[in-house]
PDB file of N, CA and C in Angstrom:
ATOM      1  N   MET A   1      76.792 -12.635 -13.706  1.00  0.00           N
ATOM      2  CA  MET A   1      77.645 -11.951 -14.651  1.00  0.00           C
ATOM      3  C   MET A   1      78.449 -12.990 -15.440  1.00  0.00           C
ATOM      4  N   ASN A   2      78.500 -12.826 -16.741  1.00  0.00           N
ATOM      5  CA  ASN A   2      79.258 -13.722 -17.613  1.00  0.00           C
ATOM      6  C   ASN A   2      80.725 -13.325 -17.642  1.00  0.00           C
ATOM      7  N   THR A   3      81.554 -14.252 -18.100  1.00  0.00           N
ATOM      8  CA  THR A   3      82.963 -13.928 -18.309  1.00  0.00           C
ATOM      9  C   THR A   3      83.309 -14.167 -19.770  1.00  0.00           C
ATOM     10  N   VAL A   4      84.286 -13.428 -20.231  1.00  0.00           N
ATOM     11  CA  VAL A   4      84.775 -13.547 -21.596  1.00  0.00           C
ATOM     12  C   VAL A   4      86.262 -13.833 -21.515  1.00  0.00           C
ATOM     13  N   HIS A   5      86.722 -14.814 -22.280  1.00  0.00           N
ATOM     14  CA  HIS A   5      88.144 -15.132 -22.334  1.00  0.00           C
ATOM     15  C   HIS A   5      88.705 -14.620 -23.653  1.00  0.00           C
ATOM     16  N   VAL A   6      89.861 -13.994 -23.578  1.00  0.00           N
ATOM     17  CA  VAL A   6      90.508 -13.463 -24.773  1.00  0.00           C
ATOM     18  C   VAL A   6      91.487 -14.506 -25.296  1.00  0.00           C
ATOM     19  N   CYS A   7      91.325 -14.891 -26.550  1.00  0.00           N
ATOM     20  CA  CYS A   7      92.201 -15.871 -27.183  1.00  0.00           C
ATOM     21  C   CYS A   7      93.593 -15.262 -27.369  1.00  0.00           C
ATOM     22  N   ASP A   8      94.611 -16.019 -27.018  1.00  0.00           N
ATOM     23  CA  ASP A   8      95.983 -15.531 -27.204  1.00  0.00           C
ATOM     24  C   ASP A   8      96.641 -16.150 -28.439  1.00  0.00           C
ATOM     25  N   CYS A   9      95.840 -16.791 -29.277  1.00  0.00           N
ATOM     26  CA  CYS A   9      96.309 -17.379 -30.544  1.00  0.00           C
ATOM     27  C   CYS A   9      97.412 -18.406 -30.339  1.00  0.00           C
ATOM     28  N   CYS A  10      97.226 -19.306 -29.375  1.00  0.00           N
ATOM     29  CA  CYS A  10      98.211 -20.370 -29.170  1.00  0.00           C
ATOM     30  C   CYS A  10      98.171 -21.368 -30.324  1.00  0.00           C
ATOM     31  N   GLY A  11      97.017 -21.492 -30.987  1.00  0.00           N
ATOM     32  CA  GLY A  11      96.879 -22.372 -32.134  1.00  0.00           C
ATOM     33  C   GLY A  11      96.637 -23.831 -31.805  1.00  0.00           C
ATOM     34  N   LEU A  12      96.539 -24.172 -30.546  1.00  0.00           N
ATOM     35  CA  LEU A  12      96.375 -25.579 -30.177  1.00  0.00           C
ATOM     36  C   LEU A  12      95.089 -26.185 -30.720  1.00  0.00           C
ATOM     37  N   CYS A  13      94.017 -25.415 -30.730  1.00  0.00           N
ATOM     38  CA  CYS A  13      92.740 -25.945 -31.225  1.00  0.00           C
ATOM     39  C   CYS A  13      92.851 -26.330 -32.706  1.00  0.00           C
ATOM     40  N   CYS A  14      93.674 -25.619 -33.451  1.00  0.00           N
ATOM     41  CA  CYS A  14      93.852 -25.871 -34.884  1.00  0.00           C
ATOM     42  C   CYS A  14      94.942 -26.899 -35.177  1.00  0.00           C
ATOM     43  N   GLN A  15      95.666 -27.305 -34.142  1.00  0.00           N
ATOM     44  CA  GLN A  15      96.756 -28.255 -34.323  1.00  0.00           C
ATOM     45  C   GLN A  15      96.515 -29.597 -33.642  1.00  0.00           C
ATOM     46  N   GLN A  16      95.698 -29.601 -32.599  1.00  0.00           N
ATOM     47  CA  GLN A  16      95.548 -30.805 -31.784  1.00  0.00           C
ATOM     48  C   GLN A  16      94.153 -31.415 -31.796  1.00  0.00           C
ATOM     49  N   LEU A  17      93.166 -30.669 -32.257  1.00  0.00           N
ATOM     50  CA  LEU A  17      91.795 -31.183 -32.275  1.00  0.00           C
ATOM     51  C   LEU A  17      91.406 -31.618 -33.683  1.00  0.00           C
ATOM     52  N   LEU A  18      90.431 -32.487 -33.753  1.00  0.00           N
ATOM     53  CA  LEU A  18      89.875 -32.883 -35.036  1.00  0.00           C
ATOM     54  C   LEU A  18      89.110 -31.688 -35.595  1.00  0.00           C
ATOM     55  N   VAL A  19      89.516 -31.234 -36.768  1.00  0.00           N
ATOM     56  CA  VAL A  19      88.848 -30.113 -37.433  1.00  0.00           C
ATOM     57  C   VAL A  19      88.257 -30.662 -38.715  1.00  0.00           C
ATOM     58  N   GLU A  20      86.961 -30.537 -38.864  1.00  0.00           N
ATOM     59  CA  GLU A  20      86.300 -31.073 -40.042  1.00  0.00           C
ATOM     60  C   GLU A  20      85.423 -30.018 -40.691  1.00  0.00           C
ATOM     61  N   ALA A  21      85.158 -30.221 -41.968  1.00  0.00           N
ATOM     62  CA  ALA A  21      84.310 -29.306 -42.733  1.00  0.00           C
ATOM     63  C   ALA A  21      83.234 -30.122 -43.433  1.00  0.00           C
ATOM     64  N   ASN A  22      82.001 -29.652 -43.328  1.00  0.00           N
ATOM     65  CA  ASN A  22      80.911 -30.337 -44.010  1.00  0.00           C
ATOM     66  C   ASN A  22      80.630 -29.647 -45.355  1.00  0.00           C
ATOM     67  N   ALA A  23      79.648 -30.130 -46.073  1.00  0.00           N
ATOM     68  CA  ALA A  23      79.356 -29.601 -47.410  1.00  0.00           C
ATOM     69  C   ALA A  23      79.006 -28.114 -47.374  1.00  0.00           C
ATOM     70  N   LEU A  24      78.257 -27.670 -46.373  1.00  0.00           N
ATOM     71  CA  LEU A  24      77.917 -26.246 -46.290  1.00  0.00           C
ATOM     72  C   LEU A  24      79.153 -25.389 -46.034  1.00  0.00           C
ATOM     73  N   ASP A  25      80.057 -25.905 -45.203  1.00  0.00           N
ATOM     74  CA  ASP A  25      81.308 -25.181 -44.955  1.00  0.00           C
ATOM     75  C   ASP A  25      82.093 -25.012 -46.258  1.00  0.00           C
ATOM     76  N   ILE A  26      82.102 -26.048 -47.061  1.00  0.00           N
ATOM     77  CA  ILE A  26      82.858 -26.024 -48.315  1.00  0.00           C
ATOM     78  C   ILE A  26      82.190 -25.103 -49.336  1.00  0.00           C
ATOM     79  N   LEU A  27      80.873 -25.054 -49.340  1.00  0.00           N
ATOM     80  CA  LEU A  27      80.182 -24.108 -50.223  1.00  0.00           C
ATOM     81  C   LEU A  27      80.479 -22.665 -49.814  1.00  0.00           C
ATOM     82  N   ARG A  28      80.544 -22.420 -48.507  1.00  0.00           N
ATOM     83  CA  ARG A  28      80.822 -21.083 -48.004  1.00  0.00           C
ATOM     84  C   ARG A  28      82.285 -20.699 -48.225  1.00  0.00           C
ATOM     85  N   GLU A  29      83.183 -21.678 -48.140  1.00  0.00           N
ATOM     86  CA  GLU A  29      84.615 -21.408 -48.279  1.00  0.00           C
ATOM     87  C   GLU A  29      85.231 -22.394 -49.280  1.00  0.00           C
ATOM     88  N   PRO A  30      85.204 -22.051 -50.575  1.00  0.00           N
ATOM     89  CA  PRO A  30      85.698 -22.964 -51.619  1.00  0.00           C
ATOM     90  C   PRO A  30      87.171 -23.326 -51.493  1.00  0.00           C
ATOM     91  N   ARG A  31      87.961 -22.512 -50.796  1.00  0.00           N
ATOM     92  CA  ARG A  31      89.385 -22.853 -50.638  1.00  0.00           C
ATOM     93  C   ARG A  31      89.578 -24.157 -49.875  1.00  0.00           C
ATOM     94  N   ILE A  32      88.586 -24.559 -49.106  1.00  0.00           N
ATOM     95  CA  ILE A  32      88.689 -25.841 -48.398  1.00  0.00           C
ATOM     96  C   ILE A  32      88.811 -26.971 -49.414  1.00  0.00           C
ATOM     97  N   ALA A  33      87.998 -26.932 -50.452  1.00  0.00           N
ATOM     98  CA  ALA A  33      88.041 -27.982 -51.478  1.00  0.00           C
ATOM     99  C   ALA A  33      89.347 -27.946 -52.257  1.00  0.00           C
ATOM    100  N   SER A  34      89.868 -26.766 -52.512  1.00  0.00           N
ATOM    101  CA  SER A  34      91.069 -26.671 -53.340  1.00  0.00           C
ATOM    102  C   SER A  34      92.359 -27.024 -52.602  1.00  0.00           C
ATOM    103  N   THR A  35      92.324 -27.106 -51.273  1.00  0.00           N
ATOM    104  CA  THR A  35      93.540 -27.439 -50.521  1.00  0.00           C
ATOM    105  C   THR A  35      93.778 -28.936 -50.436  1.00  0.00           C
ATOM    106  N   ARG A  36      92.781 -29.709 -50.797  1.00  0.00           N
ATOM    107  CA  ARG A  36      92.857 -31.167 -50.655  1.00  0.00           C
ATOM    108  C   ARG A  36      93.277 -31.556 -49.235  1.00  0.00           C
ATOM    109  N   PRO A  37      92.472 -31.166 -48.250  1.00  0.00           N
ATOM    110  CA  PRO A  37      92.843 -31.415 -46.859  1.00  0.00           C
ATOM    111  C   PRO A  37      93.085 -32.886 -46.571  1.00  0.00           C
ATOM    112  N   LEU A  38      94.246 -33.154 -46.033  1.00  0.00           N
ATOM    113  CA  LEU A  38      94.651 -34.511 -45.653  1.00  0.00           C
ATOM    114  C   LEU A  38      94.322 -35.542 -46.732  1.00  0.00           C
ATOM    115  N   GLY A  39      94.522 -35.205 -47.982  1.00  0.00           N
ATOM    116  CA  GLY A  39      94.266 -36.145 -49.061  1.00  0.00           C
ATOM    117  C   GLY A  39      92.800 -36.449 -49.197  1.00  0.00           C
ATOM    118  N   ARG A  40      92.023 -35.451 -49.519  1.00  0.00           N
ATOM    119  CA  ARG A  40      90.560 -35.571 -49.487  1.00  0.00           C
ATOM    120  C   ARG A  40      89.993 -36.682 -50.350  1.00  0.00           C
ATOM    121  N   HIS A  41      90.774 -37.216 -51.283  1.00  0.00           N
ATOM    122  CA  HIS A  41      90.256 -38.307 -52.099  1.00  0.00           C
ATOM    123  C   HIS A  41      90.395 -39.658 -51.401  1.00  0.00           C
ATOM    124  N   ASP A  42      91.035 -39.661 -50.254  1.00  0.00           N
ATOM    125  CA  ASP A  42      91.186 -40.873 -49.465  1.00  0.00           C
ATOM    126  C   ASP A  42      89.917 -41.060 -48.632  1.00  0.00           C
ATOM    127  N   PRO A  43      89.164 -42.147 -48.854  1.00  0.00           N
ATOM    128  CA  PRO A  43      87.921 -42.350 -48.095  1.00  0.00           C
ATOM    129  C   PRO A  43      88.129 -42.341 -46.584  1.00  0.00           C
ATOM    130  N   ALA A  44      89.326 -42.659 -46.125  1.00  0.00           N
ATOM    131  CA  ALA A  44      89.585 -42.646 -44.684  1.00  0.00           C
ATOM    132  C   ALA A  44      89.573 -41.229 -44.127  1.00  0.00           C
ATOM    133  N   MET A  45      89.676 -40.228 -44.999  1.00  0.00           N
ATOM    134  CA  MET A  45      89.691 -38.845 -44.547  1.00  0.00           C
ATOM    135  C   MET A  45      88.301 -38.216 -44.588  1.00  0.00           C
ATOM    136  N   ILE A  46      87.290 -39.002 -44.894  1.00  0.00           N
ATOM    137  CA  ILE A  46      85.915 -38.519 -44.885  1.00  0.00           C
ATOM    138  C   ILE A  46      85.186 -39.244 -43.762  1.00  0.00           C
ATOM    139  N   LEU A  47      84.673 -38.464 -42.826  1.00  0.00           N
ATOM    140  CA  LEU A  47      84.017 -39.015 -41.651  1.00  0.00           C
ATOM    141  C   LEU A  47      82.620 -38.410 -41.564  1.00  0.00           C
ATOM    142  N   ASP A  48      81.590 -39.243 -41.635  1.00  0.00           N
ATOM    143  CA  ASP A  48      80.207 -38.748 -41.573  1.00  0.00           C
ATOM    144  C   ASP A  48      79.968 -37.610 -42.555  1.00  0.00           C
ATOM    145  N   ALA A  49      80.415 -37.772 -43.800  1.00  0.00           N
ATOM    146  CA  ALA A  49      80.238 -36.792 -44.876  1.00  0.00           C
ATOM    147  C   ALA A  49      80.955 -35.472 -44.594  1.00  0.00           C
ATOM    148  N   CYS A  50      81.975 -35.507 -43.766  1.00  0.00           N
ATOM    149  CA  CYS A  50      82.784 -34.319 -43.494  1.00  0.00           C
ATOM    150  C   CYS A  50      84.229 -34.598 -43.887  1.00  0.00           C
ATOM    151  N   TRP A  51      84.873 -33.597 -44.432  1.00  0.00           N
ATOM    152  CA  TRP A  51      86.303 -33.713 -44.725  1.00  0.00           C
ATOM    153  C   TRP A  51      87.073 -33.353 -43.476  1.00  0.00           C
ATOM    154  N   ILE A  52      88.060 -34.145 -43.147  1.00  0.00           N
ATOM    155  CA  ILE A  52      88.907 -33.861 -41.990  1.00  0.00           C
ATOM    156  C   ILE A  52      90.011 -32.916 -42.445  1.00  0.00           C
ATOM    157  N   LEU A  53      90.038 -31.743 -41.846  1.00  0.00           N
ATOM    158  CA  LEU A  53      91.055 -30.741 -42.180  1.00  0.00           C
ATOM    159  C   LEU A  53      92.302 -30.884 -41.323  1.00  0.00           C
ATOM    160  N   ALA A  54      92.132 -31.315 -40.088  1.00  0.00           N
ATOM    161  CA  ALA A  54      93.255 -31.386 -39.158  1.00  0.00           C
ATOM    162  C   ALA A  54      92.954 -32.382 -38.057  1.00  0.00           C
ATOM    163  N   GLY A  55      93.996 -32.739 -37.369  1.00  0.00           N
ATOM    164  CA  GLY A  55      93.878 -33.638 -36.233  1.00  0.00           C
ATOM    165  C   GLY A  55      95.169 -33.589 -35.447  1.00  0.00           C
ATOM    166  N   PRO A  56      95.251 -34.327 -34.358  1.00  0.00           N
ATOM    167  CA  PRO A  56      96.469 -34.290 -33.545  1.00  0.00           C
ATOM    168  C   PRO A  56      97.718 -34.530 -34.399  1.00  0.00           C
ATOM    169  N   GLY A  57      98.630 -33.576 -34.346  1.00  0.00           N
ATOM    170  CA  GLY A  57      99.870 -33.689 -35.102  1.00  0.00           C
ATOM    171  C   GLY A  57      99.771 -33.282 -36.559  1.00  0.00           C
ATOM    172  N   ARG A  58      98.588 -32.940 -37.024  1.00  0.00           N
ATOM    173  CA  ARG A  58      98.383 -32.488 -38.401  1.00  0.00           C
ATOM    174  C   ARG A  58      97.612 -31.183 -38.355  1.00  0.00           C
ATOM    175  N   PRO A  59      98.318 -30.053 -38.334  1.00  0.00           N
ATOM    176  CA  PRO A  59      97.641 -28.759 -38.194  1.00  0.00           C
ATOM    177  C   PRO A  59      96.735 -28.439 -39.375  1.00  0.00           C
ATOM    178  N   CYS A  60      95.767 -27.617 -39.110  1.00  0.00           N
ATOM    179  CA  CYS A  60      94.856 -27.157 -40.155  1.00  0.00           C
ATOM    180  C   CYS A  60      95.671 -26.450 -41.243  1.00  0.00           C
ATOM    181  N   PRO A  61      95.394 -26.728 -42.507  1.00  0.00           N
ATOM    182  CA  PRO A  61      96.142 -26.083 -43.587  1.00  0.00           C
ATOM    183  C   PRO A  61      95.906 -24.582 -43.676  1.00  0.00           C
ATOM    184  N   PHE A  62      94.908 -24.075 -42.973  1.00  0.00           N
ATOM    185  CA  PHE A  62      94.609 -22.645 -42.998  1.00  0.00           C
ATOM    186  C   PHE A  62      95.176 -21.895 -41.800  1.00  0.00           C
ATOM    187  N   LEU A  63      95.957 -22.574 -40.982  1.00  0.00           N
ATOM    188  CA  LEU A  63      96.597 -21.946 -39.836  1.00  0.00           C
ATOM    189  C   LEU A  63      97.904 -21.305 -40.295  1.00  0.00           C
ATOM    190  N   SER A  64      98.020 -20.004 -40.065  1.00  0.00           N
ATOM    191  CA  SER A  64      99.226 -19.288 -40.481  1.00  0.00           C
ATOM    192  C   SER A  64     100.365 -19.548 -39.490  1.00  0.00           C
ATOM    193  N   PRO A  65     101.610 -19.230 -39.860  1.00  0.00           N
ATOM    194  CA  PRO A  65     102.730 -19.388 -38.925  1.00  0.00           C
ATOM    195  C   PRO A  65     102.552 -18.561 -37.641  1.00  0.00           C
ATOM    196  N   GLU A  66     101.743 -17.510 -37.723  1.00  0.00           N
ATOM    197  CA  GLU A  66     101.466 -16.664 -36.545  1.00  0.00           C
ATOM    198  C   GLU A  66     100.287 -17.203 -35.734  1.00  0.00           C
ATOM    199  N   HIS A  67      99.820 -18.408 -36.078  1.00  0.00           N
ATOM    200  CA  HIS A  67      98.682 -19.061 -35.430  1.00  0.00           C
ATOM    201  C   HIS A  67      97.390 -18.280 -35.614  1.00  0.00           C
ATOM    202  N   ARG A  68      97.212 -17.718 -36.761  1.00  0.00           N
ATOM    203  CA  ARG A  68      95.977 -17.011 -37.131  1.00  0.00           C
ATOM    204  C   ARG A  68      95.291 -17.804 -38.237  1.00  0.00           C
ATOM    205  N   CYS A  69      93.977 -17.775 -38.239  1.00  0.00           N
ATOM    206  CA  CYS A  69      93.199 -18.482 -39.257  1.00  0.00           C
ATOM    207  C   CYS A  69      93.161 -17.658 -40.539  1.00  0.00           C
ATOM    208  N   ARG A  70      93.576 -18.275 -41.640  1.00  0.00           N
ATOM    209  CA  ARG A  70      93.587 -17.578 -42.925  1.00  0.00           C
ATOM    210  C   ARG A  70      92.189 -17.465 -43.537  1.00  0.00           C
ATOM    211  N   ILE A  71      91.243 -18.229 -43.017  1.00  0.00           N
ATOM    212  CA  ILE A  71      89.873 -18.177 -43.541  1.00  0.00           C
ATOM    213  C   ILE A  71      88.889 -17.818 -42.421  1.00  0.00           C
ATOM    214  N   TYR A  72      89.330 -17.052 -41.462  1.00  0.00           N
ATOM    215  CA  TYR A  72      88.537 -16.755 -40.270  1.00  0.00           C
ATOM    216  C   TYR A  72      87.094 -16.343 -40.567  1.00  0.00           C
ATOM    217  N   PRO A  73      86.828 -15.411 -41.489  1.00  0.00           N
ATOM    218  CA  PRO A  73      85.432 -15.005 -41.719  1.00  0.00           C
ATOM    219  C   PRO A  73      84.541 -16.136 -42.268  1.00  0.00           C
ATOM    220  N   THR A  74      85.140 -17.107 -42.926  1.00  0.00           N
ATOM    221  CA  THR A  74      84.357 -18.187 -43.537  1.00  0.00           C
ATOM    222  C   THR A  74      84.786 -19.556 -43.019  1.00  0.00           C
ATOM    223  N   ARG A  75      85.377 -19.605 -41.839  1.00  0.00           N
ATOM    224  CA  ARG A  75      85.858 -20.864 -41.267  1.00  0.00           C
ATOM    225  C   ARG A  75      84.691 -21.822 -41.029  1.00  0.00           C
ATOM    226  N   PRO A  76      84.982 -23.120 -40.919  1.00  0.00           N
ATOM    227  CA  PRO A  76      83.916 -24.105 -40.692  1.00  0.00           C
ATOM    228  C   PRO A  76      83.124 -23.836 -39.413  1.00  0.00           C
ATOM    229  N   ASP A  77      81.875 -24.277 -39.424  1.00  0.00           N
ATOM    230  CA  ASP A  77      81.001 -24.094 -38.261  1.00  0.00           C
ATOM    231  C   ASP A  77      81.609 -24.686 -36.991  1.00  0.00           C
ATOM    232  N   LEU A  78      82.302 -25.806 -37.116  1.00  0.00           N
ATOM    233  CA  LEU A  78      82.941 -26.423 -35.964  1.00  0.00           C
ATOM    234  C   LEU A  78      83.890 -25.431 -35.299  1.00  0.00           C
ATOM    235  N   CYS A  79      84.631 -24.683 -36.094  1.00  0.00           N
ATOM    236  CA  CYS A  79      85.572 -23.689 -35.568  1.00  0.00           C
ATOM    237  C   CYS A  79      84.830 -22.490 -34.971  1.00  0.00           C
ATOM    238  N   VAL A  80      83.768 -22.079 -35.631  1.00  0.00           N
ATOM    239  CA  VAL A  80      82.964 -20.961 -35.115  1.00  0.00           C
ATOM    240  C   VAL A  80      82.443 -21.304 -33.721  1.00  0.00           C
ATOM    241  N   ASN A  81      82.042 -22.540 -33.537  1.00  0.00           N
ATOM    242  CA  ASN A  81      81.429 -22.950 -32.272  1.00  0.00           C
ATOM    243  C   ASN A  81      82.433 -23.291 -31.178  1.00  0.00           C
ATOM    244  N   PHE A  82      83.718 -23.342 -31.502  1.00  0.00           N
ATOM    245  CA  PHE A  82      84.723 -23.618 -30.477  1.00  0.00           C
ATOM    246  C   PHE A  82      84.878 -22.377 -29.609  1.00  0.00           C
ATOM    247  N   ALA A  83      84.671 -22.527 -28.317  1.00  0.00           N
ATOM    248  CA  ALA A  83      84.685 -21.372 -27.407  1.00  0.00           C
ATOM    249  C   ALA A  83      86.038 -21.213 -26.726  1.00  0.00           C
ATOM    250  N   THR A  84      86.596 -20.026 -26.868  1.00  0.00           N
ATOM    251  CA  THR A  84      87.817 -19.677 -26.151  1.00  0.00           C
ATOM    252  C   THR A  84      87.537 -19.761 -24.661  1.00  0.00           C
ATOM    253  N   GLY A  85      88.391 -20.456 -23.934  1.00  0.00           N
ATOM    254  CA  GLY A  85      88.205 -20.596 -22.492  1.00  0.00           C
ATOM    255  C   GLY A  85      87.282 -21.732 -22.100  1.00  0.00           C
ATOM    256  N   SER A  86      86.797 -22.494 -23.081  1.00  0.00           N
ATOM    257  CA  SER A  86      85.920 -23.634 -22.783  1.00  0.00           C
ATOM    258  C   SER A  86      86.715 -24.733 -22.071  1.00  0.00           C
ATOM    259  N   THR A  87      86.033 -25.731 -21.585  1.00  0.00           N
ATOM    260  CA  THR A  87      86.701 -26.855 -20.929  1.00  0.00           C
ATOM    261  C   THR A  87      87.721 -27.488 -21.860  1.00  0.00           C
ATOM    262  N   GLN A  88      87.358 -27.668 -23.117  1.00  0.00           N
ATOM    263  CA  GLN A  88      88.272 -28.263 -24.097  1.00  0.00           C
ATOM    264  C   GLN A  88      89.500 -27.372 -24.295  1.00  0.00           C
ATOM    265  N   CYS A  89      89.299 -26.095 -24.388  1.00  0.00           N
ATOM    266  CA  CYS A  89      90.387 -25.128 -24.528  1.00  0.00           C
ATOM    267  C   CYS A  89      91.308 -25.188 -23.302  1.00  0.00           C
ATOM    268  N   ARG A  90      90.717 -25.175 -22.131  1.00  0.00           N
ATOM    269  CA  ARG A  90      91.511 -25.206 -20.891  1.00  0.00           C
ATOM    270  C   ARG A  90      92.327 -26.488 -20.784  1.00  0.00           C
ATOM    271  N   LYS A  91      91.733 -27.625 -21.154  1.00  0.00           N
ATOM    272  CA  LYS A  91      92.449 -28.905 -21.094  1.00  0.00           C
ATOM    273  C   LYS A  91      93.631 -28.924 -22.064  1.00  0.00           C
ATOM    274  N   LEU A  92      93.428 -28.439 -23.270  1.00  0.00           N
ATOM    275  CA  LEU A  92      94.521 -28.377 -24.246  1.00  0.00           C
ATOM    276  C   LEU A  92      95.671 -27.527 -23.715  1.00  0.00           C
ATOM    277  N   ARG A  93      95.347 -26.371 -23.194  1.00  0.00           N
ATOM    278  CA  ARG A  93      96.380 -25.458 -22.684  1.00  0.00           C
ATOM    279  C   ARG A  93      97.133 -26.111 -21.531  1.00  0.00           C
ATOM    280  N   GLU A  94      96.424 -26.779 -20.648  1.00  0.00           N
ATOM    281  CA  GLU A  94      97.061 -27.444 -19.515  1.00  0.00           C
ATOM    282  C   GLU A  94      97.979 -28.570 -19.994  1.00  0.00           C
ATOM    283  N   GLN A  95      97.499 -29.374 -20.939  1.00  0.00           N
ATOM    284  CA  GLN A  95      98.297 -30.488 -21.468  1.00  0.00           C
ATOM    285  C   GLN A  95      99.586 -30.014 -22.127  1.00  0.00           C
ATOM    286  N   HIS A  96      99.591 -28.822 -22.659  1.00  0.00           N
ATOM    287  CA  HIS A  96     100.753 -28.296 -23.369  1.00  0.00           C
ATOM    288  C   HIS A  96     101.517 -27.249 -22.565  1.00  0.00           C
ATOM    289  N   GLY A  97     101.228 -27.191 -21.272  1.00  0.00           N
ATOM    290  CA  GLY A  97     101.993 -26.337 -20.369  1.00  0.00           C
ATOM    291  C   GLY A  97     101.751 -24.846 -20.519  1.00  0.00           C
ATOM    292  N   LEU A  98     100.604 -24.475 -21.059  1.00  0.00           N
ATOM    293  CA  LEU A  98     100.285 -23.052 -21.199  1.00  0.00           C
ATOM    294  C   LEU A  98      99.428 -22.588 -20.024  1.00  0.00           C
ATOM    295  N   PRO A  99      99.582 -21.349 -19.625  1.00  0.00           N
ATOM    296  CA  PRO A  99      98.769 -20.834 -18.516  1.00  0.00           C
ATOM    297  C   PRO A  99      97.306 -20.669 -18.937  1.00  0.00           C
ATOM    298  N   ALA A 100      96.455 -20.625 -17.935  1.00  0.00           N
ATOM    299  CA  ALA A 100      95.030 -20.394 -18.199  1.00  0.00           C
ATOM    300  C   ALA A 100      94.842 -19.008 -18.803  1.00  0.00           C
ATOM    301  N   LEU A 101      93.816 -18.887 -19.635  1.00  0.00           N
ATOM    302  CA  LEU A 101      93.494 -17.589 -20.225  1.00  0.00           C
ATOM    303  C   LEU A 101      92.865 -16.686 -19.169  1.00  0.00           C
ATOM    304  N   GLU A 102      93.117 -15.420 -19.295  1.00  0.00           N
ATOM    305  CA  GLU A 102      92.555 -14.451 -18.362  1.00  0.00           C
ATOM    306  C   GLU A 102      91.063 -14.279 -18.643  1.00  0.00           C
ATOM    307  N   ALA A 103      90.277 -14.305 -17.591  1.00  0.00           N
ATOM    308  CA  ALA A 103      88.835 -14.113 -17.707  1.00  0.00           C
ATOM    309  C   ALA A 103      88.502 -12.649 -17.434  1.00  0.00           C
ATOM    310  N   HIS A 104      87.690 -12.084 -18.285  1.00  0.00           N
ATOM    311  CA  HIS A 104      87.248 -10.702 -18.131  1.00  0.00           C
ATOM    312  C   HIS A 104      85.746 -10.709 -17.867  1.00  0.00           C
ATOM    313  N   PRO A 105      85.286  -9.981 -16.864  1.00  0.00           N
ATOM    314  CA  PRO A 105      83.849  -9.944 -16.606  1.00  0.00           C
ATOM    315  C   PRO A 105      83.113  -9.189 -17.714  1.00  0.00           C
ATOM    316  N   ALA A 106      81.991  -9.711 -18.105  1.00  0.00           N
ATOM    317  CA  ALA A 106      81.120  -9.029 -19.069  1.00  0.00           C
ATOM    318  C   ALA A 106      79.969  -8.438 -18.273  1.00  0.00           C
ATOM    319  N   THR A 107      79.718  -7.168 -18.437  1.00  0.00           N
ATOM    320  CA  THR A 107      78.722  -6.496 -17.603  1.00  0.00           C
ATOM    321  C   THR A 107      77.295  -6.913 -17.930  1.00  0.00           C
ATOM    322  N   ASP A 108      77.045  -7.288 -19.162  1.00  0.00           N
ATOM    323  CA  ASP A 108      75.721  -7.800 -19.505  1.00  0.00           C
ATOM    324  C   ASP A 108      75.859  -8.701 -20.732  1.00  0.00           C
ATOM    325  N   ASP A 109      74.775  -9.356 -21.086  1.00  0.00           N
ATOM    326  CA  ASP A 109      74.823 -10.315 -22.184  1.00  0.00           C
ATOM    327  C   ASP A 109      75.195  -9.677 -23.517  1.00  0.00           C
ATOM    328  N   VAL A 110      74.718  -8.468 -23.788  1.00  0.00           N
ATOM    329  CA  VAL A 110      75.018  -7.815 -25.054  1.00  0.00           C
ATOM    330  C   VAL A 110      76.518  -7.496 -25.141  1.00  0.00           C
ATOM    331  N   LEU A 111      77.073  -6.934 -24.083  1.00  0.00           N
ATOM    332  CA  LEU A 111      78.502  -6.650 -24.060  1.00  0.00           C
ATOM    333  C   LEU A 111      79.316  -7.935 -24.200  1.00  0.00           C
ATOM    334  N   GLY A 112      78.872  -8.975 -23.526  1.00  0.00           N
ATOM    335  CA  GLY A 112      79.552 -10.272 -23.619  1.00  0.00           C
ATOM    336  C   GLY A 112      79.556 -10.800 -25.044  1.00  0.00           C
ATOM    337  N   GLU A 113      78.432 -10.665 -25.745  1.00  0.00           N
ATOM    338  CA  GLU A 113      78.365 -11.109 -27.142  1.00  0.00           C
ATOM    339  C   GLU A 113      79.294 -10.286 -28.032  1.00  0.00           C
ATOM    340  N   ILE A 114      79.329  -8.981 -27.806  1.00  0.00           N
ATOM    341  CA  ILE A 114      80.200  -8.116 -28.602  1.00  0.00           C
ATOM    342  C   ILE A 114      81.659  -8.445 -28.356  1.00  0.00           C
ATOM    343  N   LEU A 115      82.027  -8.577 -27.079  1.00  0.00           N
ATOM    344  CA  LEU A 115      83.418  -8.902 -26.748  1.00  0.00           C
ATOM    345  C   LEU A 115      83.816 -10.268 -27.295  1.00  0.00           C
ATOM    346  N   ALA A 116      82.932 -11.236 -27.197  1.00  0.00           N
ATOM    347  CA  ALA A 116      83.230 -12.571 -27.708  1.00  0.00           C
ATOM    348  C   ALA A 116      83.428 -12.537 -29.221  1.00  0.00           C
ATOM    349  N   ALA A 117      82.637 -11.750 -29.923  1.00  0.00           N
ATOM    350  CA  ALA A 117      82.767 -11.649 -31.381  1.00  0.00           C
ATOM    351  C   ALA A 117      84.074 -10.971 -31.773  1.00  0.00           C
ATOM    352  N   LEU A 118      84.508 -10.020 -30.970  1.00  0.00           N
ATOM    353  CA  LEU A 118      85.757  -9.316 -31.263  1.00  0.00           C
ATOM    354  C   LEU A 118      86.975 -10.157 -30.949  1.00  0.00           C
ATOM    355  N   MET A 119      86.871 -11.059 -30.011  1.00  0.00           N
ATOM    356  CA  MET A 119      88.015 -11.851 -29.587  1.00  0.00           C
ATOM    357  C   MET A 119      88.121 -13.010 -30.507  1.00  0.00           C
TER     358      MET A 119
END
């Protein structure tokens, strides 16, 4: 049986991890280009043809004060692939003194996929 973790919108992933956008992400979400993330014209802010949107101490410009993503439906693939409750998520929460996320059992793979998409 799989487990699903519900995100509590702590925002740590958007504030403490390297968040980057590649060319396809920018085509899908043009607001990335218009925000000039971390001074996008600075060659130091381009890593492997990706624009760095955020990093430790520099929150993502699309993170709202309520720790919600302002571009959630079109967020970069890196963000889509970040799993709530993953090892990286758990380590961030522990480092910042937050409790572990509650795990909910998923009765089957289809339900798990639906719950994960909703969370």
